[in-house]
Amino acid sequence: MFSALWDLFTCAARALFDLGGAVVRLAFHLLSALAGALLWPLKALWALLFGDWSTLATWTPAYLAVCLLVLAALAGLLLYSRWKKGKQ
């Protein structure tokens, strides 16, 4: 009877660890995707500034427009924060 209870306990513990590992992997994948989406315009700009024009071959003009809009928004936020800081 003790061995059956021990087997039940080990199976439950293994299932919990498998579930915990899957949740942690999912969280890391989501964070990685979010970081990739947020840093994509900077990566594209870096490549274009330093002469890697091959990145333009697979991108449509819409991707480049989104890249420029995101960078313009970031620059606008930076300028706005400096303006507000200087006003105080």
N, C-alpha and C. Protein backbone atom coordinates (compact mmCIF):
# COMPACT_ATOMS: atom_id res chain seq x y z
N MET A 1 0.82 -1.19 0.00
CA MET A 1 0.00 0.00 0.00
C MET A 1 0.87 1.26 0.00
N PHE A 2 1.96 1.19 0.77
CA PHE A 2 2.85 2.35 0.82
C PHE A 2 3.46 2.64 -0.56
N SER A 3 3.80 1.60 -1.29
CA SER A 3 4.40 1.81 -2.61
C SER A 3 3.38 2.41 -3.58
N ALA A 4 2.12 2.05 -3.46
CA ALA A 4 1.10 2.63 -4.32
C ALA A 4 0.92 4.12 -4.01
N LEU A 5 0.93 4.46 -2.73
CA LEU A 5 0.84 5.87 -2.34
C LEU A 5 2.07 6.65 -2.81
N TRP A 6 3.22 6.01 -2.69
CA TRP A 6 4.45 6.66 -3.15
C TRP A 6 4.42 6.89 -4.67
N ASP A 7 3.95 5.91 -5.42
CA ASP A 7 3.81 6.06 -6.87
C ASP A 7 2.83 7.19 -7.20
N LEU A 8 1.73 7.27 -6.48
CA LEU A 8 0.76 8.33 -6.71
C LEU A 8 1.39 9.71 -6.42
N PHE A 9 2.14 9.79 -5.34
CA PHE A 9 2.81 11.04 -4.99
C PHE A 9 3.84 11.44 -6.05
N THR A 10 4.66 10.48 -6.51
CA THR A 10 5.68 10.80 -7.51
C THR A 10 5.05 11.20 -8.84
N CYS A 11 3.95 10.54 -9.21
CA CYS A 11 3.28 10.91 -10.46
C CYS A 11 2.68 12.32 -10.36
N ALA A 12 2.09 12.65 -9.20
CA ALA A 12 1.53 13.99 -9.01
C ALA A 12 2.63 15.04 -9.01
N ALA A 13 3.75 14.75 -8.35
CA ALA A 13 4.87 15.69 -8.33
C ALA A 13 5.44 15.88 -9.73
N ARG A 14 5.60 14.80 -10.48
CA ARG A 14 6.12 14.90 -11.85
C ARG A 14 5.18 15.72 -12.72
N ALA A 15 3.87 15.52 -12.57
CA ALA A 15 2.90 16.29 -13.36
C ALA A 15 2.97 17.78 -13.01
N LEU A 16 3.12 18.09 -11.73
CA LEU A 16 3.24 19.49 -11.33
C LEU A 16 4.51 20.13 -11.86
N PHE A 17 5.62 19.39 -11.82
CA PHE A 17 6.87 19.92 -12.36
C PHE A 17 6.79 20.09 -13.88
N ASP A 18 6.15 19.15 -14.57
CA ASP A 18 5.97 19.29 -16.01
C ASP A 18 5.11 20.50 -16.34
N LEU A 19 4.05 20.69 -15.59
CA LEU A 19 3.18 21.84 -15.79
C LEU A 19 3.92 23.15 -15.50
N GLY A 20 4.68 23.17 -14.41
CA GLY A 20 5.46 24.37 -14.07
C GLY A 20 6.49 24.69 -15.13
N GLY A 21 7.17 23.66 -15.64
CA GLY A 21 8.15 23.86 -16.70
C GLY A 21 7.52 24.39 -17.97
N ALA A 22 6.33 23.88 -18.30
CA ALA A 22 5.63 24.36 -19.50
C ALA A 22 5.21 25.81 -19.35
N VAL A 23 4.76 26.19 -18.16
CA VAL A 23 4.36 27.58 -17.92
C VAL A 23 5.57 28.51 -17.99
N VAL A 24 6.68 28.09 -17.43
CA VAL A 24 7.90 28.91 -17.48
C VAL A 24 8.40 29.04 -18.92
N ARG A 25 8.39 27.95 -19.68
CA ARG A 25 8.79 28.01 -21.09
C ARG A 25 7.88 28.94 -21.89
N LEU A 26 6.57 28.86 -21.62
CA LEU A 26 5.62 29.74 -22.29
C LEU A 26 5.90 31.20 -21.96
N ALA A 27 6.18 31.49 -20.70
CA ALA A 27 6.48 32.86 -20.30
C ALA A 27 7.75 33.36 -20.99
N PHE A 28 8.78 32.52 -21.07
CA PHE A 28 10.01 32.93 -21.75
C PHE A 28 9.79 33.15 -23.24
N HIS A 29 8.98 32.30 -23.87
CA HIS A 29 8.69 32.48 -25.29
C HIS A 29 7.92 33.76 -25.53
N LEU A 30 6.96 34.06 -24.66
CA LEU A 30 6.20 35.30 -24.81
C LEU A 30 7.07 36.53 -24.61
N LEU A 31 7.95 36.50 -23.61
CA LEU A 31 8.86 37.62 -23.38
C LEU A 31 9.83 37.78 -24.54
N SER A 32 10.30 36.67 -25.08
CA SER A 32 11.20 36.73 -26.22
C SER A 32 10.50 37.33 -27.44
N ALA A 33 9.27 36.92 -27.68
CA ALA A 33 8.52 37.47 -28.81
C ALA A 33 8.25 38.95 -28.62
N LEU A 34 7.92 39.35 -27.40
CA LEU A 34 7.67 40.76 -27.12
C LEU A 34 8.94 41.58 -27.31
N ALA A 35 10.05 41.09 -26.82
CA ALA A 35 11.32 41.81 -27.00
C ALA A 35 11.69 41.89 -28.48
N GLY A 36 11.47 40.81 -29.21
CA GLY A 36 11.75 40.84 -30.64
C GLY A 36 10.89 41.84 -31.38
N ALA A 37 9.62 41.93 -30.99
CA ALA A 37 8.72 42.89 -31.65
C ALA A 37 9.08 44.33 -31.29
N LEU A 38 9.50 44.55 -30.05
CA LEU A 38 9.84 45.91 -29.65
C LEU A 38 11.19 46.36 -30.19
N LEU A 39 12.12 45.45 -30.31
CA LEU A 39 13.46 45.80 -30.76
C LEU A 39 13.64 45.66 -32.27
N TRP A 40 12.62 45.15 -32.97
CA TRP A 40 12.72 44.96 -34.41
C TRP A 40 13.01 46.26 -35.16
N PRO A 41 12.34 47.38 -34.86
CA PRO A 41 12.67 48.60 -35.60
C PRO A 41 14.11 49.06 -35.36
N LEU A 42 14.60 48.90 -34.15
CA LEU A 42 15.98 49.30 -33.87
C LEU A 42 16.97 48.41 -34.61
N LYS A 43 16.68 47.12 -34.68
CA LYS A 43 17.54 46.20 -35.42
C LYS A 43 17.53 46.56 -36.90
N ALA A 44 16.36 46.89 -37.43
CA ALA A 44 16.27 47.26 -38.84
C ALA A 44 17.03 48.55 -39.11
N LEU A 45 16.87 49.52 -38.24
CA LEU A 45 17.56 50.79 -38.44
C LEU A 45 19.07 50.60 -38.35
N TRP A 46 19.51 49.80 -37.40
CA TRP A 46 20.94 49.52 -37.25
C TRP A 46 21.50 48.89 -38.52
N ALA A 47 20.76 47.92 -39.07
CA ALA A 47 21.22 47.26 -40.28
C ALA A 47 21.28 48.24 -41.45
N LEU A 48 20.29 49.10 -41.56
CA LEU A 48 20.28 50.05 -42.67
C LEU A 48 21.36 51.12 -42.52
N LEU A 49 21.62 51.55 -41.29
CA LEU A 49 22.63 52.57 -41.08
C LEU A 49 24.04 52.07 -41.40
N PHE A 50 24.26 50.80 -41.17
CA PHE A 50 25.60 50.27 -41.36
C PHE A 50 25.72 49.43 -42.63
N GLY A 51 24.86 49.72 -43.62
CA GLY A 51 25.05 49.21 -44.95
C GLY A 51 24.55 47.82 -45.25
N ASP A 52 23.73 47.25 -44.39
CA ASP A 52 23.19 45.93 -44.68
C ASP A 52 21.87 46.09 -45.45
N TRP A 53 21.97 46.41 -46.72
CA TRP A 53 20.78 46.67 -47.52
C TRP A 53 20.06 45.39 -47.91
N SER A 54 20.62 44.24 -47.60
CA SER A 54 19.95 42.98 -47.92
C SER A 54 18.69 42.79 -47.09
N THR A 55 18.59 43.51 -45.98
CA THR A 55 17.39 43.39 -45.17
C THR A 55 16.18 43.97 -45.87
N LEU A 56 16.39 44.86 -46.83
CA LEU A 56 15.26 45.45 -47.55
C LEU A 56 14.64 44.48 -48.54
N ALA A 57 15.35 43.44 -48.92
CA ALA A 57 14.86 42.53 -49.95
C ALA A 57 13.61 41.79 -49.51
N THR A 58 13.51 41.45 -48.23
CA THR A 58 12.37 40.66 -47.77
C THR A 58 11.29 41.52 -47.14
N TRP A 59 11.51 42.80 -46.99
CA TRP A 59 10.54 43.65 -46.33
C TRP A 59 9.72 44.42 -47.35
N THR A 60 8.48 44.64 -47.00
CA THR A 60 7.61 45.45 -47.84
C THR A 60 7.71 46.90 -47.36
N PRO A 61 7.26 47.84 -48.14
CA PRO A 61 7.27 49.23 -47.69
C PRO A 61 6.45 49.45 -46.41
N ALA A 62 5.46 48.62 -46.18
CA ALA A 62 4.67 48.76 -44.95
C ALA A 62 5.53 48.49 -43.72
N TYR A 63 6.41 47.50 -43.79
CA TYR A 63 7.31 47.23 -42.66
C TYR A 63 8.22 48.43 -42.40
N LEU A 64 8.75 48.99 -43.46
CA LEU A 64 9.63 50.14 -43.29
C LEU A 64 8.87 51.35 -42.74
N ALA A 65 7.62 51.52 -43.17
CA ALA A 65 6.81 52.62 -42.65
C ALA A 65 6.53 52.44 -41.16
N VAL A 66 6.23 51.22 -40.76
CA VAL A 66 6.00 50.95 -39.33
C VAL A 66 7.28 51.21 -38.54
N CYS A 67 8.41 50.81 -39.09
CA CYS A 67 9.70 51.03 -38.44
C CYS A 67 9.92 52.53 -38.23
N LEU A 68 9.70 53.32 -39.27
CA LEU A 68 9.91 54.75 -39.15
C LEU A 68 8.91 55.39 -38.18
N LEU A 69 7.66 54.92 -38.17
CA LEU A 69 6.67 55.46 -37.23
C LEU A 69 7.04 55.16 -35.78
N VAL A 70 7.50 53.95 -35.54
CA VAL A 70 7.89 53.59 -34.16
C VAL A 70 9.10 54.42 -33.72
N LEU A 71 10.07 54.57 -34.59
CA LEU A 71 11.24 55.38 -34.23
C LEU A 71 10.87 56.85 -34.05
N ALA A 72 9.96 57.36 -34.87
CA ALA A 72 9.51 58.74 -34.71
C ALA A 72 8.75 58.91 -33.39
N ALA A 73 7.94 57.92 -33.03
CA ALA A 73 7.22 57.98 -31.76
C ALA A 73 8.20 57.96 -30.58
N LEU A 74 9.21 57.11 -30.66
CA LEU A 74 10.21 57.06 -29.58
C LEU A 74 10.97 58.38 -29.47
N ALA A 75 11.33 58.96 -30.61
CA ALA A 75 12.03 60.25 -30.59
C ALA A 75 11.11 61.34 -30.04
N GLY A 76 9.84 61.30 -30.42
CA GLY A 76 8.89 62.28 -29.90
C GLY A 76 8.71 62.17 -28.39
N LEU A 77 8.63 60.95 -27.90
CA LEU A 77 8.52 60.77 -26.45
C LEU A 77 9.77 61.26 -25.72
N LEU A 78 10.92 61.01 -26.31
CA LEU A 78 12.16 61.48 -25.70
C LEU A 78 12.21 63.00 -25.65
N LEU A 79 11.85 63.64 -26.76
CA LEU A 79 11.85 65.10 -26.80
C LEU A 79 10.80 65.69 -25.85
N TYR A 80 9.64 65.05 -25.77
CA TYR A 80 8.59 65.53 -24.88
C TYR A 80 9.03 65.42 -23.42
N SER A 81 9.69 64.32 -23.06
CA SER A 81 10.13 64.17 -21.68
C SER A 81 11.21 65.20 -21.33
N ARG A 82 12.08 65.49 -22.27
CA ARG A 82 13.12 66.51 -22.01
C ARG A 82 12.48 67.88 -21.90
N TRP A 83 11.46 68.15 -22.72
CA TRP A 83 10.77 69.44 -22.66
C TRP A 83 10.05 69.60 -21.32
N LYS A 84 9.38 68.54 -20.85
CA LYS A 84 8.68 68.60 -19.57
C LYS A 84 9.67 68.73 -18.42
N LYS A 85 10.81 68.08 -18.51
CA LYS A 85 11.82 68.14 -17.46
C LYS A 85 12.41 69.55 -17.40
N GLY A 86 12.64 70.16 -18.53
CA GLY A 86 13.20 71.51 -18.57
C GLY A 86 12.21 72.57 -18.10
N LYS A 87 10.93 72.29 -18.20
CA LYS A 87 9.90 73.23 -17.80
C LYS A 87 9.76 73.31 -16.28
N GLN A 88 10.13 72.27 -15.60
CA GLN A 88 9.97 72.24 -14.13
C GLN A 88 11.02 73.02 -13.49
